[in-house]
Amino acid sequence: MSIITAYNDAWRNGDVDALAEILHDEFVFNPHVGGMTMGKSDVLGFAGGDNAPTSENDRILFENNEVGVAHSIVHFANGSTSEAVLSFLRFKDGKIILMETGATPLSDDYQLIGN
C-alpha cells in the first residue's frame, strides 16, 4: 500500500495509532494558513477528534519512495469554506517526514461533479 493511501485511510478512520506509525518522529507540517509549523504530536492531537477535517475525492497525483503529491477536497468542522488542497509530502525511512499544503477556497454552493 502506498504511504499516502495509508495516511488517508488512517486519517479517515481517526486511527491515531496508525497515523503515529506513518508519521516520522521528525515530522513537520507546514500548512497553507497562518504561517505556522506543526510537529507529529500536534497532528496526532488533532487527528481523530471532533474538529478534525474530513476529505473527499482523495487523489494521488504522484508518489515514489522519496516524495508524493496528493489532492483532496477538504471540509472543516468549524464551518469554514471547504478547500481544494494540494499536498506535497517528503518521505524518510518509509514514513512521512514533511508535508506542505496549498489550497483554494471553494464557494458555499460547491458541489463535487458526479455526486
Protein backbone atom coordinates (compact mmCIF):
# COMPACT_ATOMS: atom_id res chain seq x y z
CA MET A 1 0.00 0.00 0.00
CA SER A 2 1.24 3.48 -0.76
CA ILE A 3 2.25 5.76 2.11
CA ILE A 4 -0.30 8.38 1.04
CA THR A 5 -3.10 5.80 0.87
CA ALA A 6 -2.18 4.53 4.34
CA TYR A 7 -2.18 8.12 5.66
CA ASN A 8 -5.56 8.90 4.08
CA ASP A 9 -7.10 5.68 5.43
CA ALA A 10 -5.77 6.30 8.94
CA TRP A 11 -6.98 9.93 8.91
CA ARG A 12 -10.42 8.97 7.57
CA ASN A 13 -10.80 6.31 10.28
CA GLY A 14 -9.47 8.53 13.08
CA ASP A 15 -6.82 5.87 13.73
CA VAL A 16 -4.23 7.84 15.71
CA ASP A 17 -2.12 4.72 16.32
CA ALA A 18 -1.84 4.05 12.58
CA LEU A 19 -1.00 7.73 11.96
CA ALA A 20 1.72 7.54 14.59
CA GLU A 21 3.30 4.70 12.60
CA ILE A 22 3.03 6.58 9.28
CA LEU A 23 4.47 9.91 10.51
CA HIS A 24 8.22 10.04 11.07
CA ASP A 25 9.33 11.14 14.55
CA GLU A 26 10.90 14.23 12.92
CA PHE A 27 7.67 15.02 11.00
CA VAL A 28 6.99 18.68 10.14
CA PHE A 29 3.70 20.02 8.74
CA ASN A 30 3.70 23.44 7.09
CA PRO A 31 0.03 24.22 6.38
CA HIS A 32 -1.05 26.84 3.89
CA VAL A 33 -2.56 29.15 6.54
CA GLY A 34 -1.27 31.13 9.45
CA GLY A 35 2.46 30.76 8.84
CA MET A 36 2.61 28.03 11.48
CA THR A 37 4.55 24.81 11.66
CA MET A 38 3.25 21.69 13.40
CA GLY A 39 5.03 18.56 14.56
CA LYS A 40 3.98 14.95 14.86
CA SER A 41 2.41 15.35 18.30
CA ASP A 42 0.39 18.37 17.11
CA VAL A 43 -1.09 16.45 14.20
CA LEU A 44 -1.78 13.35 16.30
CA GLY A 45 -3.57 15.53 18.87
CA PHE A 46 -5.76 16.95 16.13
CA ALA A 47 -6.48 13.68 14.32
CA GLY A 48 -9.47 11.64 15.31
CA GLY A 49 -11.03 14.48 17.29
CA ASP A 50 -14.40 16.13 16.77
CA ASN A 51 -12.77 19.07 14.95
CA ALA A 52 -10.67 17.03 12.54
CA PRO A 53 -11.25 17.93 8.88
CA THR A 54 -12.76 15.39 6.51
CA SER A 55 -11.90 14.93 2.86
CA GLU A 56 -13.36 13.58 -0.34
CA ASN A 57 -12.09 12.86 -3.82
CA ASP A 58 -8.63 11.98 -2.45
CA ARG A 59 -6.22 11.51 -5.34
CA ILE A 60 -2.56 10.61 -5.51
CA LEU A 61 -1.02 12.60 -8.33
CA PHE A 62 2.50 11.23 -7.90
CA GLU A 63 4.30 9.01 -5.41
CA ASN A 64 7.65 7.28 -5.28
CA ASN A 65 9.87 6.29 -2.34
CA GLU A 66 11.09 9.89 -1.83
CA VAL A 67 8.12 12.22 -2.43
CA GLY A 68 4.40 12.33 -3.07
CA VAL A 69 1.83 14.81 -4.34
CA ALA A 70 -1.84 14.47 -3.44
CA HIS A 71 -5.07 16.42 -3.96
CA SER A 72 -8.28 16.38 -1.89
CA ILE A 73 -11.40 18.38 -1.23
CA VAL A 74 -11.26 19.19 2.50
CA HIS A 75 -14.21 20.12 4.72
CA PHE A 76 -13.71 21.74 8.12
CA ALA A 77 -15.76 21.07 11.26
CA ASN A 78 -15.77 24.77 12.18
CA GLY A 79 -17.95 25.53 9.17
CA SER A 80 -15.34 27.49 7.22
CA THR A 81 -15.31 27.27 3.44
CA SER A 82 -14.21 23.92 2.04
CA GLU A 83 -10.92 23.92 0.17
CA ALA A 84 -9.27 22.13 -2.71
CA VAL A 85 -5.96 21.14 -1.09
CA LEU A 86 -2.74 20.17 -2.85
CA SER A 87 -0.22 18.41 -0.60
CA PHE A 88 3.48 17.83 -1.14
CA LEU A 89 4.98 15.08 1.02
CA ARG A 90 8.57 14.02 1.58
CA PHE A 91 9.34 10.51 2.86
CA LYS A 92 12.15 9.16 5.02
CA ASP A 93 12.52 5.58 6.21
CA GLY A 94 9.15 4.73 4.61
CA LYS A 95 7.33 7.38 6.64
CA ILE A 96 6.12 10.93 6.05
CA ILE A 97 8.73 13.39 7.34
CA LEU A 98 7.39 16.58 5.71
CA MET A 99 4.01 17.77 4.49
CA GLU A 100 3.26 21.15 2.94
CA THR A 101 -0.09 22.24 1.58
CA GLY A 102 -1.54 24.83 -0.74
CA ALA A 103 -5.26 25.42 -1.06
CA THR A 104 -8.01 27.14 -2.99
CA PRO A 105 -11.19 28.02 -1.06
CA LEU A 106 -14.39 26.74 -2.66
CA SER A 107 -17.70 28.57 -2.75
CA ASP A 108 -20.51 27.83 -0.29
CA ASP A 109 -22.57 26.28 -3.11
CA TYR A 110 -19.71 23.95 -4.08
CA GLN A 111 -20.76 20.53 -5.28
CA LEU A 112 -18.40 17.80 -6.45
CA ILE A 113 -19.27 16.94 -10.06
CA GLY A 114 -20.60 13.40 -10.32
CA ASN A 115 -22.26 13.37 -6.89
